[in-house]
Amino acid sequence: MDVKASLRQVHVSPQKARLVADMVRGRNVNDAINILAFTRKKSAEVISKLLKSAIANAEENHKVVDVDDLFIKTIMVDKAITQKRFMPRARGSASPIKKRHSHITIVLNER
């Protein structure tokens, strides 16, 4: 049984979020929470909240008895919208600034 949780339009770059997602992919839920708690990245906090949401989904919706048996089957970080802004530069010119967003999806499964 797969338990799924997703988060859309997170204001973090997909490239930066994938660094954190790669650290916890395939691990037990308890190990992943510990790793994310001591990782000093913005996306670690976001992924930790999403993981706790997936655990709550497993307990409430799928009636999983033992949460300790869950592991992260897949974690995907996809590209979302990119906000385009402009920064003033010298001599009246401007340079573009891209504010990237992500969609993060976690799928848990039992061992």
C-alpha atoms as a PDB file:
ATOM      1  CA  MET A   1       0.000   0.000   0.000  1.00  0.00           C
ATOM      2  CA  ASP A   2       1.421   3.347  -1.034  1.00  0.00           C
ATOM      3  CA  VAL A   3       0.848   6.431   1.096  1.00  0.00           C
ATOM      4  CA  LYS A   4       1.257   9.714  -0.737  1.00  0.00           C
ATOM      5  CA  ALA A   5       1.683  13.355   0.264  1.00  0.00           C
ATOM      6  CA  SER A   6       2.495  16.249  -2.020  1.00  0.00           C
ATOM      7  CA  LEU A   7       3.314  19.909  -1.688  1.00  0.00           C
ATOM      8  CA  ARG A   8       2.954  22.312  -4.572  1.00  0.00           C
ATOM      9  CA  GLN A   9       4.442  25.733  -5.367  1.00  0.00           C
ATOM     10  CA  VAL A  10       7.169  25.638  -2.695  1.00  0.00           C
ATOM     11  CA  HIS A  11       9.455  28.650  -2.948  1.00  0.00           C
ATOM     12  CA  VAL A  12      12.703  26.709  -3.149  1.00  0.00           C
ATOM     13  CA  SER A  13      14.740  25.888  -6.221  1.00  0.00           C
ATOM     14  CA  PRO A  14      14.304  22.300  -7.490  1.00  0.00           C
ATOM     15  CA  GLN A  15      18.064  21.850  -7.734  1.00  0.00           C
ATOM     16  CA  LYS A  16      18.529  22.771  -4.067  1.00  0.00           C
ATOM     17  CA  ALA A  17      15.584  20.660  -2.926  1.00  0.00           C
ATOM     18  CA  ARG A  18      16.893  17.591  -4.797  1.00  0.00           C
ATOM     19  CA  LEU A  19      20.113  17.731  -2.751  1.00  0.00           C
ATOM     20  CA  VAL A  20      18.097  17.175   0.419  1.00  0.00           C
ATOM     21  CA  ALA A  21      15.708  14.684  -1.195  1.00  0.00           C
ATOM     22  CA  ASP A  22      18.623  12.491  -2.280  1.00  0.00           C
ATOM     23  CA  MET A  23      19.798  12.218   1.341  1.00  0.00           C
ATOM     24  CA  VAL A  24      16.563  10.607   2.569  1.00  0.00           C
ATOM     25  CA  ARG A  25      15.424   8.578  -0.464  1.00  0.00           C
ATOM     26  CA  GLY A  26      15.001   4.889   0.436  1.00  0.00           C
ATOM     27  CA  ARG A  27      15.473   5.337   4.182  1.00  0.00           C
ATOM     28  CA  ASN A  28      13.217   4.454   7.105  1.00  0.00           C
ATOM     29  CA  VAL A  29      10.905   7.214   8.260  1.00  0.00           C
ATOM     30  CA  ASN A  30      12.586   7.639  11.658  1.00  0.00           C
ATOM     31  CA  ASP A  31      16.050   7.856  10.104  1.00  0.00           C
ATOM     32  CA  ALA A  32      14.829  10.379   7.558  1.00  0.00           C
ATOM     33  CA  ILE A  33      13.295  12.618  10.241  1.00  0.00           C
ATOM     34  CA  ASN A  34      16.566  12.584  12.190  1.00  0.00           C
ATOM     35  CA  ILE A  35      18.612  13.424   9.094  1.00  0.00           C
ATOM     36  CA  LEU A  36      16.292  16.271   8.137  1.00  0.00           C
ATOM     37  CA  ALA A  37      16.312  17.686  11.681  1.00  0.00           C
ATOM     38  CA  PHE A  38      20.075  18.246  11.545  1.00  0.00           C
ATOM     39  CA  THR A  39      20.352  19.402   7.933  1.00  0.00           C
ATOM     40  CA  ARG A  40      20.867  23.143   7.652  1.00  0.00           C
ATOM     41  CA  LYS A  41      18.951  23.809   4.436  1.00  0.00           C
ATOM     42  CA  LYS A  42      15.638  25.554   3.857  1.00  0.00           C
ATOM     43  CA  SER A  43      14.270  22.624   1.898  1.00  0.00           C
ATOM     44  CA  ALA A  44      15.038  20.220   4.778  1.00  0.00           C
ATOM     45  CA  GLU A  45      12.399  21.863   6.942  1.00  0.00           C
ATOM     46  CA  VAL A  46       9.847  21.782   4.112  1.00  0.00           C
ATOM     47  CA  ILE A  47      10.522  18.109   3.324  1.00  0.00           C
ATOM     48  CA  SER A  48      10.375  17.237   7.035  1.00  0.00           C
ATOM     49  CA  LYS A  49       6.906  18.768   7.351  1.00  0.00           C
ATOM     50  CA  LEU A  50       5.783  16.946   4.230  1.00  0.00           C
ATOM     51  CA  LEU A  51       7.142  13.648   5.570  1.00  0.00           C
ATOM     52  CA  LYS A  52       5.258  14.119   8.840  1.00  0.00           C
ATOM     53  CA  SER A  53       2.118  14.821   6.801  1.00  0.00           C
ATOM     54  CA  ALA A  54       2.608  11.583   4.865  1.00  0.00           C
ATOM     55  CA  ILE A  55       2.995   9.688   8.156  1.00  0.00           C
ATOM     56  CA  ALA A  56      -0.241  11.240   9.428  1.00  0.00           C
ATOM     57  CA  ASN A  57      -1.958  10.212   6.172  1.00  0.00           C
ATOM     58  CA  ALA A  58      -0.749   6.655   6.715  1.00  0.00           C
ATOM     59  CA  GLU A  59      -2.110   6.533  10.253  1.00  0.00           C
ATOM     60  CA  GLU A  60      -5.435   8.207   9.562  1.00  0.00           C
ATOM     61  CA  ASN A  61      -6.454   7.261   6.024  1.00  0.00           C
ATOM     62  CA  HIS A  62      -4.692   3.939   5.447  1.00  0.00           C
ATOM     63  CA  LYS A  63      -4.891   2.616   9.049  1.00  0.00           C
ATOM     64  CA  VAL A  64      -1.209   1.681   9.236  1.00  0.00           C
ATOM     65  CA  VAL A  65      -0.645   0.090  12.638  1.00  0.00           C
ATOM     66  CA  ASP A  66       3.150   0.344  12.942  1.00  0.00           C
ATOM     67  CA  VAL A  67       4.629   3.571  11.605  1.00  0.00           C
ATOM     68  CA  ASP A  68       8.176   2.308  12.239  1.00  0.00           C
ATOM     69  CA  ASP A  69       7.840  -0.103   9.285  1.00  0.00           C
ATOM     70  CA  LEU A  70       7.351   2.734   6.789  1.00  0.00           C
ATOM     71  CA  PHE A  71      10.129   3.812   4.441  1.00  0.00           C
ATOM     72  CA  ILE A  72      10.413   6.435   1.721  1.00  0.00           C
ATOM     73  CA  LYS A  73       9.707   4.590  -1.505  1.00  0.00           C
ATOM     74  CA  THR A  74      10.003   7.619  -3.785  1.00  0.00           C
ATOM     75  CA  ILE A  75      10.550  11.312  -3.312  1.00  0.00           C
ATOM     76  CA  MET A  76      10.244  13.526  -6.363  1.00  0.00           C
ATOM     77  CA  VAL A  77      11.110  17.177  -6.762  1.00  0.00           C
ATOM     78  CA  ASP A  78       9.666  18.660  -9.929  1.00  0.00           C
ATOM     79  CA  LYS A  79       9.981  22.105 -11.439  1.00  0.00           C
ATOM     80  CA  ALA A  80       7.056  24.486 -10.926  1.00  0.00           C
ATOM     81  CA  ILE A  81       6.495  28.055 -12.062  1.00  0.00           C
ATOM     82  CA  THR A  82       9.312  30.558 -12.345  1.00  0.00           C
ATOM     83  CA  GLN A  83       8.608  34.141 -11.356  1.00  0.00           C
ATOM     84  CA  LYS A  84      10.518  36.600 -13.502  1.00  0.00           C
ATOM     85  CA  ARG A  85      11.729  39.814 -11.885  1.00  0.00           C
ATOM     86  CA  PHE A  86      14.234  42.449 -12.938  1.00  0.00           C
ATOM     87  CA  MET A  87      17.069  44.054 -10.981  1.00  0.00           C
ATOM     88  CA  PRO A  88      18.256  47.548 -11.945  1.00  0.00           C
ATOM     89  CA  ARG A  89      21.858  47.687 -13.095  1.00  0.00           C
ATOM     90  CA  ALA A  90      24.399  50.282 -14.127  1.00  0.00           C
ATOM     91  CA  ARG A  91      23.800  52.713 -16.990  1.00  0.00           C
ATOM     92  CA  GLY A  92      20.027  52.278 -16.966  1.00  0.00           C
ATOM     93  CA  SER A  93      20.061  48.585 -17.866  1.00  0.00           C
ATOM     94  CA  ALA A  94      18.390  45.695 -16.057  1.00  0.00           C
ATOM     95  CA  SER A  95      19.188  42.035 -15.520  1.00  0.00           C
ATOM     96  CA  PRO A  96      16.603  39.266 -15.062  1.00  0.00           C
ATOM     97  CA  ILE A  97      16.095  37.434 -11.767  1.00  0.00           C
ATOM     98  CA  LYS A  98      14.380  34.028 -11.817  1.00  0.00           C
ATOM     99  CA  LYS A  99      12.609  32.985  -8.629  1.00  0.00           C
ATOM    100  CA  ARG A 100      12.107  29.252  -8.996  1.00  0.00           C
ATOM    101  CA  HIS A 101       9.476  27.065  -7.325  1.00  0.00           C
ATOM    102  CA  SER A 102       9.092  23.306  -6.810  1.00  0.00           C
ATOM    103  CA  HIS A 103       6.496  20.573  -6.492  1.00  0.00           C
ATOM    104  CA  ILE A 104       7.554  17.922  -3.943  1.00  0.00           C
ATOM    105  CA  THR A 105       5.903  14.483  -3.712  1.00  0.00           C
ATOM    106  CA  ILE A 106       6.653  11.746  -1.160  1.00  0.00           C
ATOM    107  CA  VAL A 107       5.424   8.145  -1.434  1.00  0.00           C
ATOM    108  CA  LEU A 108       5.770   5.872   1.615  1.00  0.00           C
ATOM    109  CA  ASN A 109       5.451   2.102   1.720  1.00  0.00           C
ATOM    110  CA  GLU A 110       5.695  -0.655   4.332  1.00  0.00           C
ATOM    111  CA  ARG A 111       8.612  -3.046   4.526  1.00  0.00           C
END
